């Protein structure tokens, strides 16, 4: 395990080395593909996605998985841009 930048107090971040799959469920792959499609079609930029993830309320951010955060951020961005 290694320490990473970011918020303090959450302990080390486990680093997985080996044969772990890139997605743990089919829906995660679909969220990834949705994001890439929206970025390629100019709906938003990756920096905007990162910002939208960081703007999630702390209680939502902390209880959500990695790709749940992506999906919530995508939903928020599309709504903010009048595309949702």
C-alpha atoms as a PDB file:
ATOM      1  CA  UNK A   1       0.000   0.000   0.000  1.00  0.00           C
ATOM      2  CA  UNK A   2       1.123   3.529  -0.774  1.00  0.00           C
ATOM      3  CA  UNK A   3       0.121   6.953   0.492  1.00  0.00           C
ATOM      4  CA  UNK A   4      -1.288   9.308  -2.121  1.00  0.00           C
ATOM      5  CA  UNK A   5      -2.091  12.987  -2.260  1.00  0.00           C
ATOM      6  CA  UNK A   6      -5.578  14.230  -1.508  1.00  0.00           C
ATOM      7  CA  UNK A   7      -7.525  14.410   1.679  1.00  0.00           C
ATOM      8  CA  UNK A   8      -5.831  13.343   4.901  1.00  0.00           C
ATOM      9  CA  UNK A   9      -7.170  10.776   7.325  1.00  0.00           C
ATOM     10  CA  UNK A  10      -8.264   8.020   4.979  1.00  0.00           C
ATOM     11  CA  UNK A  11      -5.148   5.898   5.313  1.00  0.00           C
ATOM     12  CA  UNK A  12      -3.068   4.286   2.617  1.00  0.00           C
ATOM     13  CA  UNK A  13      -4.535   3.451  -0.783  1.00  0.00           C
ATOM     14  CA  UNK A  14      -4.184  -0.216  -1.716  1.00  0.00           C
ATOM     15  CA  UNK A  15      -2.318  -0.805  -4.967  1.00  0.00           C
ATOM     16  CA  UNK A  16      -3.361  -3.941  -6.797  1.00  0.00           C
ATOM     17  CA  UNK A  17      -0.772  -5.598  -8.974  1.00  0.00           C
ATOM     18  CA  UNK A  18      -1.645  -8.563 -11.088  1.00  0.00           C
ATOM     19  CA  UNK A  19      -4.677  -9.905 -12.869  1.00  0.00           C
ATOM     20  CA  UNK A  20      -7.444  -7.720 -11.452  1.00  0.00           C
ATOM     21  CA  UNK A  21     -10.023  -6.948 -14.161  1.00  0.00           C
ATOM     22  CA  UNK A  22     -10.394  -3.310 -15.239  1.00  0.00           C
ATOM     23  CA  UNK A  23     -14.115  -3.423 -14.388  1.00  0.00           C
ATOM     24  CA  UNK A  24     -15.778  -5.344 -11.581  1.00  0.00           C
ATOM     25  CA  UNK A  25     -19.251  -5.263 -13.144  1.00  0.00           C
ATOM     26  CA  UNK A  26     -20.706  -4.775 -16.629  1.00  0.00           C
ATOM     27  CA  UNK A  27     -22.333  -1.487 -15.634  1.00  0.00           C
ATOM     28  CA  UNK A  28     -18.901  -0.001 -14.830  1.00  0.00           C
ATOM     29  CA  UNK A  29     -17.732  -0.686 -18.396  1.00  0.00           C
ATOM     30  CA  UNK A  30     -20.908   0.958 -19.713  1.00  0.00           C
ATOM     31  CA  UNK A  31     -20.321   4.083 -17.582  1.00  0.00           C
ATOM     32  CA  UNK A  32     -16.746   4.253 -18.899  1.00  0.00           C
ATOM     33  CA  UNK A  33     -17.979   3.897 -22.508  1.00  0.00           C
ATOM     34  CA  UNK A  34     -20.717   6.500 -21.944  1.00  0.00           C
ATOM     35  CA  UNK A  35     -18.165   8.972 -20.621  1.00  0.00           C
ATOM     36  CA  UNK A  36     -15.778   8.411 -23.525  1.00  0.00           C
ATOM     37  CA  UNK A  37     -18.625   8.848 -26.031  1.00  0.00           C
ATOM     38  CA  UNK A  38     -19.756  12.092 -24.422  1.00  0.00           C
ATOM     39  CA  UNK A  39     -16.201  13.467 -24.320  1.00  0.00           C
ATOM     40  CA  UNK A  40     -15.533  12.509 -27.963  1.00  0.00           C
ATOM     41  CA  UNK A  41     -18.777  14.189 -29.015  1.00  0.00           C
ATOM     42  CA  UNK A  42     -17.927  17.414 -27.175  1.00  0.00           C
ATOM     43  CA  UNK A  43     -20.555  17.246 -24.428  1.00  0.00           C
ATOM     44  CA  UNK A  44     -17.841  18.098 -21.897  1.00  0.00           C
ATOM     45  CA  UNK A  45     -14.102  17.758 -21.263  1.00  0.00           C
ATOM     46  CA  UNK A  46     -12.380  15.326 -18.910  1.00  0.00           C
ATOM     47  CA  UNK A  47     -11.388  18.223 -16.653  1.00  0.00           C
ATOM     48  CA  UNK A  48     -15.076  19.032 -16.272  1.00  0.00           C
ATOM     49  CA  UNK A  49     -15.785  15.438 -15.249  1.00  0.00           C
ATOM     50  CA  UNK A  50     -13.053  15.578 -12.619  1.00  0.00           C
ATOM     51  CA  UNK A  51     -14.434  18.883 -11.324  1.00  0.00           C
ATOM     52  CA  UNK A  52     -17.972  17.463 -11.201  1.00  0.00           C
ATOM     53  CA  UNK A  53     -16.710  14.469  -9.209  1.00  0.00           C
ATOM     54  CA  UNK A  54     -14.929  16.792  -6.774  1.00  0.00           C
ATOM     55  CA  UNK A  55     -18.124  18.852  -6.363  1.00  0.00           C
ATOM     56  CA  UNK A  56     -20.165  15.880  -5.167  1.00  0.00           C
ATOM     57  CA  UNK A  57     -21.298  16.376  -1.569  1.00  0.00           C
ATOM     58  CA  UNK A  58     -18.820  14.691   0.816  1.00  0.00           C
ATOM     59  CA  UNK A  59     -21.376  12.184   2.103  1.00  0.00           C
ATOM     60  CA  UNK A  60     -22.233  11.139  -1.479  1.00  0.00           C
ATOM     61  CA  UNK A  61     -18.589  11.007  -2.547  1.00  0.00           C
ATOM     62  CA  UNK A  62     -17.569   8.854   0.415  1.00  0.00           C
ATOM     63  CA  UNK A  63     -20.375   6.303   0.101  1.00  0.00           C
ATOM     64  CA  UNK A  64     -20.029   5.923  -3.680  1.00  0.00           C
ATOM     65  CA  UNK A  65     -17.747   3.609  -5.601  1.00  0.00           C
ATOM     66  CA  UNK A  66     -15.331   4.908  -8.238  1.00  0.00           C
ATOM     67  CA  UNK A  67     -17.699   4.456 -11.181  1.00  0.00           C
ATOM     68  CA  UNK A  68     -20.741   5.513  -9.156  1.00  0.00           C
ATOM     69  CA  UNK A  69     -18.951   8.856  -8.746  1.00  0.00           C
ATOM     70  CA  UNK A  70     -18.393   9.000 -12.500  1.00  0.00           C
ATOM     71  CA  UNK A  71     -22.074   8.315 -13.185  1.00  0.00           C
ATOM     72  CA  UNK A  72     -23.286  10.909 -10.679  1.00  0.00           C
ATOM     73  CA  UNK A  73     -20.863  13.474 -12.126  1.00  0.00           C
ATOM     74  CA  UNK A  74     -21.977  12.692 -15.700  1.00  0.00           C
ATOM     75  CA  UNK A  75     -25.624  13.126 -14.683  1.00  0.00           C
ATOM     76  CA  UNK A  76     -24.818  16.467 -13.031  1.00  0.00           C
ATOM     77  CA  UNK A  77     -22.820  17.725 -16.017  1.00  0.00           C
ATOM     78  CA  UNK A  78     -25.513  16.813 -18.513  1.00  0.00           C
ATOM     79  CA  UNK A  79     -28.144  18.534 -16.367  1.00  0.00           C
ATOM     80  CA  UNK A  80     -25.960  21.651 -15.958  1.00  0.00           C
ATOM     81  CA  UNK A  81     -25.411  21.832 -19.713  1.00  0.00           C
ATOM     82  CA  UNK A  82     -29.103  21.337 -20.518  1.00  0.00           C
ATOM     83  CA  UNK A  83     -28.431  17.952 -22.107  1.00  0.00           C
ATOM     84  CA  UNK A  84     -30.057  15.808 -19.431  1.00  0.00           C
END
